[in-house]
Amino acid sequence: METEKICSSCGVRLGKNDGMTFFKCPECGVVEIGRCPNCRDQSVTYTCTKCGFTGP
C-alpha cells in the first residue's frame, strides 16, 4: 500500500490533481517534498523534515 502524499507546505492531501509536484529535498536529497498547485502558485514556503532546508 502506498503512503498518502501531502503538500509539504499546507498539509492538504494530494491526489491526482493537475499542477502538483514531488521532488527530493534540494539540500539533503532524502526527503520527498510534495507541493499542491495552490502553494506552488503562491510560493508558500516548505521545510524539509530531515535537514531543515526551507524553500519557496
PDB file of N, CA and C in Angstrom:
ATOM      1  N   MET A   1       0.835  -1.186   0.000  1.00  0.00           N
ATOM      2  CA  MET A   1       0.000   0.000   0.000  1.00  0.00           C
ATOM      3  C   MET A   1       0.881   1.250   0.000  1.00  0.00           C
ATOM      4  N   GLU A   2       0.547   2.203  -0.845  1.00  0.00           N
ATOM      5  CA  GLU A   2       1.340   3.428  -0.988  1.00  0.00           C
ATOM      6  C   GLU A   2       1.009   4.414   0.128  1.00  0.00           C
ATOM      7  N   THR A   3       2.030   5.104   0.619  1.00  0.00           N
ATOM      8  CA  THR A   3       1.855   6.115   1.646  1.00  0.00           C
ATOM      9  C   THR A   3       1.099   7.312   1.063  1.00  0.00           C
ATOM     10  N   GLU A   4       0.196   7.861   1.868  1.00  0.00           N
ATOM     11  CA  GLU A   4      -0.565   9.024   1.422  1.00  0.00           C
ATOM     12  C   GLU A   4       0.366  10.211   1.208  1.00  0.00           C
ATOM     13  N   LYS A   5       0.188  10.912   0.112  1.00  0.00           N
ATOM     14  CA  LYS A   5       1.009  12.070  -0.220  1.00  0.00           C
ATOM     15  C   LYS A   5       0.313  13.330   0.278  1.00  0.00           C
ATOM     16  N   ILE A   6       1.104  14.236   0.867  1.00  0.00           N
ATOM     17  CA  ILE A   6       0.551  15.502   1.331  1.00  0.00           C
ATOM     18  C   ILE A   6       1.442  16.654   0.882  1.00  0.00           C
ATOM     19  N   CYS A   7       0.853  17.842   0.824  1.00  0.00           N
ATOM     20  CA  CYS A   7       1.622  19.038   0.486  1.00  0.00           C
ATOM     21  C   CYS A   7       2.518  19.376   1.669  1.00  0.00           C
ATOM     22  N   SER A   8       3.784  19.594   1.418  1.00  0.00           N
ATOM     23  CA  SER A   8       4.755  19.900   2.475  1.00  0.00           C
ATOM     24  C   SER A   8       4.558  21.296   3.054  1.00  0.00           C
ATOM     25  N   SER A   9       3.769  22.125   2.393  1.00  0.00           N
ATOM     26  CA  SER A   9       3.521  23.481   2.875  1.00  0.00           C
ATOM     27  C   SER A   9       2.230  23.580   3.684  1.00  0.00           C
ATOM     28  N   CYS A  10       1.116  23.136   3.094  1.00  0.00           N
ATOM     29  CA  CYS A  10      -0.186  23.333   3.745  1.00  0.00           C
ATOM     30  C   CYS A  10      -0.782  22.064   4.330  1.00  0.00           C
ATOM     31  N   GLY A  11      -0.241  20.898   3.970  1.00  0.00           N
ATOM     32  CA  GLY A  11      -0.714  19.642   4.536  1.00  0.00           C
ATOM     33  C   GLY A  11      -1.917  19.028   3.848  1.00  0.00           C
ATOM     34  N   VAL A  12      -2.395  19.637   2.770  1.00  0.00           N
ATOM     35  CA  VAL A  12      -3.539  19.095   2.049  1.00  0.00           C
ATOM     36  C   VAL A  12      -3.154  17.761   1.407  1.00  0.00           C
ATOM     37  N   ARG A  13      -4.090  16.829   1.364  1.00  0.00           N
ATOM     38  CA  ARG A  13      -3.849  15.548   0.705  1.00  0.00           C
ATOM     39  C   ARG A  13      -3.731  15.763  -0.788  1.00  0.00           C
ATOM     40  N   LEU A  14      -2.753  15.122  -1.387  1.00  0.00           N
ATOM     41  CA  LEU A  14      -2.530  15.254  -2.826  1.00  0.00           C
ATOM     42  C   LEU A  14      -3.024  14.004  -3.524  1.00  0.00           C
ATOM     43  N   GLY A  15      -3.967  14.180  -4.403  1.00  0.00           N
ATOM     44  CA  GLY A  15      -4.481  13.078  -5.211  1.00  0.00           C
ATOM     45  C   GLY A  15      -3.814  13.095  -6.560  1.00  0.00           C
ATOM     46  N   LYS A  16      -4.618  13.009  -7.587  1.00  0.00           N
ATOM     47  CA  LYS A  16      -4.092  13.034  -8.952  1.00  0.00           C
ATOM     48  C   LYS A  16      -4.485  14.350  -9.621  1.00  0.00           C
ATOM     49  N   ASN A  17      -4.239  15.445  -8.916  1.00  0.00           N
ATOM     50  CA  ASN A  17      -4.586  16.775  -9.424  1.00  0.00           C
ATOM     51  C   ASN A  17      -3.516  17.304 -10.364  1.00  0.00           C
ATOM     52  N   ASP A  18      -3.950  18.072 -11.340  1.00  0.00           N
ATOM     53  CA  ASP A  18      -3.003  18.756 -12.222  1.00  0.00           C
ATOM     54  C   ASP A  18      -2.262  19.821 -11.432  1.00  0.00           C
ATOM     55  N   GLY A  19      -0.994  19.973 -11.705  1.00  0.00           N
ATOM     56  CA  GLY A  19      -0.219  21.038 -11.091  1.00  0.00           C
ATOM     57  C   GLY A  19       0.526  20.666  -9.837  1.00  0.00           C
ATOM     58  N   MET A  20       0.282  19.480  -9.290  1.00  0.00           N
ATOM     59  CA  MET A  20       1.054  19.088  -8.109  1.00  0.00           C
ATOM     60  C   MET A  20       2.406  18.563  -8.550  1.00  0.00           C
ATOM     61  N   THR A  21       3.368  18.606  -7.633  1.00  0.00           N
ATOM     62  CA  THR A  21       4.699  18.119  -7.977  1.00  0.00           C
ATOM     63  C   THR A  21       5.347  17.473  -6.772  1.00  0.00           C
ATOM     64  N   PHE A  22       6.284  16.584  -7.031  1.00  0.00           N
ATOM     65  CA  PHE A  22       7.072  15.924  -5.999  1.00  0.00           C
ATOM     66  C   PHE A  22       8.531  15.967  -6.417  1.00  0.00           C
ATOM     67  N   PHE A  23       9.408  16.220  -5.457  1.00  0.00           N
ATOM     68  CA  PHE A  23      10.838  16.233  -5.740  1.00  0.00           C
ATOM     69  C   PHE A  23      11.596  15.981  -4.449  1.00  0.00           C
ATOM     70  N   LYS A  24      12.821  15.530  -4.574  1.00  0.00           N
ATOM     71  CA  LYS A  24      13.674  15.316  -3.407  1.00  0.00           C
ATOM     72  C   LYS A  24      14.165  16.660  -2.885  1.00  0.00           C
ATOM     73  N   CYS A  25      14.370  16.748  -1.585  1.00  0.00           N
ATOM     74  CA  CYS A  25      14.882  17.971  -0.974  1.00  0.00           C
ATOM     75  C   CYS A  25      16.159  18.396  -1.692  1.00  0.00           C
ATOM     76  N   PRO A  26      16.240  19.669  -2.098  1.00  0.00           N
ATOM     77  CA  PRO A  26      17.434  20.143  -2.807  1.00  0.00           C
ATOM     78  C   PRO A  26      18.702  20.117  -1.953  1.00  0.00           C
ATOM     79  N   GLU A  27      18.557  20.112  -0.644  1.00  0.00           N
ATOM     80  CA  GLU A  27      19.712  20.145   0.262  1.00  0.00           C
ATOM     81  C   GLU A  27      20.223  18.737   0.587  1.00  0.00           C
ATOM     82  N   CYS A  28      19.351  17.886   1.149  1.00  0.00           N
ATOM     83  CA  CYS A  28      19.803  16.559   1.591  1.00  0.00           C
ATOM     84  C   CYS A  28      19.523  15.462   0.569  1.00  0.00           C
ATOM     85  N   GLY A  29      18.552  15.669  -0.314  1.00  0.00           N
ATOM     86  CA  GLY A  29      18.230  14.683  -1.340  1.00  0.00           C
ATOM     87  C   GLY A  29      17.567  13.428  -0.816  1.00  0.00           C
ATOM     88  N   VAL A  30      17.077  13.460   0.419  1.00  0.00           N
ATOM     89  CA  VAL A  30      16.488  12.270   1.029  1.00  0.00           C
ATOM     90  C   VAL A  30      14.962  12.356   1.080  1.00  0.00           C
ATOM     91  N   VAL A  31      14.446  13.427   1.633  1.00  0.00           N
ATOM     92  CA  VAL A  31      13.016  13.582   1.855  1.00  0.00           C
ATOM     93  C   VAL A  31      12.320  14.014   0.570  1.00  0.00           C
ATOM     94  N   GLU A  32      11.158  13.386   0.294  1.00  0.00           N
ATOM     95  CA  GLU A  32      10.365  13.788  -0.860  1.00  0.00           C
ATOM     96  C   GLU A  32       9.457  14.957  -0.446  1.00  0.00           C
ATOM     97  N   ILE A  33       9.555  16.047  -1.171  1.00  0.00           N
ATOM     98  CA  ILE A  33       8.742  17.234  -0.936  1.00  0.00           C
ATOM     99  C   ILE A  33       7.553  17.183  -1.891  1.00  0.00           C
ATOM    100  N   GLY A  34       6.366  17.388  -1.368  1.00  0.00           N
ATOM    101  CA  GLY A  34       5.160  17.440  -2.185  1.00  0.00           C
ATOM    102  C   GLY A  34       4.620  18.855  -2.190  1.00  0.00           C
ATOM    103  N   ARG A  35       4.146  19.301  -3.336  1.00  0.00           N
ATOM    104  CA  ARG A  35       3.634  20.674  -3.449  1.00  0.00           C
ATOM    105  C   ARG A  35       2.302  20.664  -4.197  1.00  0.00           C
ATOM    106  N   CYS A  36       1.275  21.257  -3.586  1.00  0.00           N
ATOM    107  CA  CYS A  36      -0.016  21.374  -4.256  1.00  0.00           C
ATOM    108  C   CYS A  36       0.036  22.572  -5.215  1.00  0.00           C
ATOM    109  N   PRO A  37      -0.866  22.629  -6.176  1.00  0.00           N
ATOM    110  CA  PRO A  37      -0.853  23.728  -7.143  1.00  0.00           C
ATOM    111  C   PRO A  37      -1.002  25.098  -6.474  1.00  0.00           C
ATOM    112  N   ASN A  38      -1.812  25.180  -5.446  1.00  0.00           N
ATOM    113  CA  ASN A  38      -2.045  26.453  -4.768  1.00  0.00           C
ATOM    114  C   ASN A  38      -0.767  26.978  -4.119  1.00  0.00           C
ATOM    115  N   CYS A  39      -0.071  26.134  -3.377  1.00  0.00           N
ATOM    116  CA  CYS A  39       1.161  26.547  -2.708  1.00  0.00           C
ATOM    117  C   CYS A  39       2.269  26.848  -3.714  1.00  0.00           C
ATOM    118  N   ARG A  40       2.303  26.114  -4.808  1.00  0.00           N
ATOM    119  CA  ARG A  40       3.286  26.406  -5.863  1.00  0.00           C
ATOM    120  C   ARG A  40       3.027  27.776  -6.464  1.00  0.00           C
ATOM    121  N   ASP A  41       1.769  28.062  -6.802  1.00  0.00           N
ATOM    122  CA  ASP A  41       1.413  29.348  -7.416  1.00  0.00           C
ATOM    123  C   ASP A  41       1.705  30.524  -6.491  1.00  0.00           C
ATOM    124  N   GLN A  42       1.489  30.332  -5.190  1.00  0.00           N
ATOM    125  CA  GLN A  42       1.657  31.417  -4.228  1.00  0.00           C
ATOM    126  C   GLN A  42       3.052  31.434  -3.591  1.00  0.00           C
ATOM    127  N   SER A  43       3.921  30.537  -4.015  1.00  0.00           N
ATOM    128  CA  SER A  43       5.287  30.427  -3.483  1.00  0.00           C
ATOM    129  C   SER A  43       5.323  30.305  -1.962  1.00  0.00           C
ATOM    130  N   VAL A  44       4.414  29.481  -1.422  1.00  0.00           N
ATOM    131  CA  VAL A  44       4.374  29.229   0.019  1.00  0.00           C
ATOM    132  C   VAL A  44       5.595  28.389   0.390  1.00  0.00           C
ATOM    133  N   THR A  45       6.260  28.738   1.491  1.00  0.00           N
ATOM    134  CA  THR A  45       7.479  28.027   1.882  1.00  0.00           C
ATOM    135  C   THR A  45       7.185  26.613   2.381  1.00  0.00           C
ATOM    136  N   TYR A  46       8.191  25.758   2.284  1.00  0.00           N
ATOM    137  CA  TYR A  46       8.158  24.399   2.831  1.00  0.00           C
ATOM    138  C   TYR A  46       9.457  24.192   3.590  1.00  0.00           C
ATOM    139  N   THR A  47       9.455  23.232   4.501  1.00  0.00           N
ATOM    140  CA  THR A  47      10.656  22.907   5.266  1.00  0.00           C
ATOM    141  C   THR A  47      10.879  21.406   5.239  1.00  0.00           C
ATOM    142  N   CYS A  48      12.083  20.995   4.937  1.00  0.00           N
ATOM    143  CA  CYS A  48      12.445  19.575   4.925  1.00  0.00           C
ATOM    144  C   CYS A  48      12.433  19.051   6.361  1.00  0.00           C
ATOM    145  N   THR A  49      11.785  17.920   6.551  1.00  0.00           N
ATOM    146  CA  THR A  49      11.683  17.338   7.896  1.00  0.00           C
ATOM    147  C   THR A  49      12.984  16.680   8.363  1.00  0.00           C
ATOM    148  N   LYS A  50      13.920  16.448   7.456  1.00  0.00           N
ATOM    149  CA  LYS A  50      15.188  15.827   7.832  1.00  0.00           C
ATOM    150  C   LYS A  50      16.278  16.860   8.122  1.00  0.00           C
ATOM    151  N   CYS A  51      16.504  17.773   7.177  1.00  0.00           N
ATOM    152  CA  CYS A  51      17.646  18.683   7.312  1.00  0.00           C
ATOM    153  C   CYS A  51      17.246  20.122   7.658  1.00  0.00           C
ATOM    154  N   GLY A  52      15.956  20.443   7.578  1.00  0.00           N
ATOM    155  CA  GLY A  52      15.511  21.782   7.934  1.00  0.00           C
ATOM    156  C   GLY A  52      15.601  22.800   6.814  1.00  0.00           C
ATOM    157  N   PHE A  53      16.002  22.368   5.626  1.00  0.00           N
ATOM    158  CA  PHE A  53      16.066  23.290   4.478  1.00  0.00           C
ATOM    159  C   PHE A  53      14.696  23.903   4.234  1.00  0.00           C
ATOM    160  N   THR A  54      14.640  25.192   3.983  1.00  0.00           N
ATOM    161  CA  THR A  54      13.400  25.894   3.673  1.00  0.00           C
ATOM    162  C   THR A  54      13.493  26.469   2.279  1.00  0.00           C
ATOM    163  N   GLY A  55      12.448  26.207   1.502  1.00  0.00           N
ATOM    164  CA  GLY A  55      12.442  26.690   0.137  1.00  0.00           C
ATOM    165  C   GLY A  55      11.104  27.287  -0.257  1.00  0.00           C
ATOM    166  N   PRO A  56      11.098  27.961  -1.373  1.00  0.00           N
ATOM    167  CA  PRO A  56       9.852  28.570  -1.868  1.00  0.00           C
ATOM    168  C   PRO A  56       8.995  27.583  -2.640  1.00  0.00           C
TER     169      PRO A  56
END
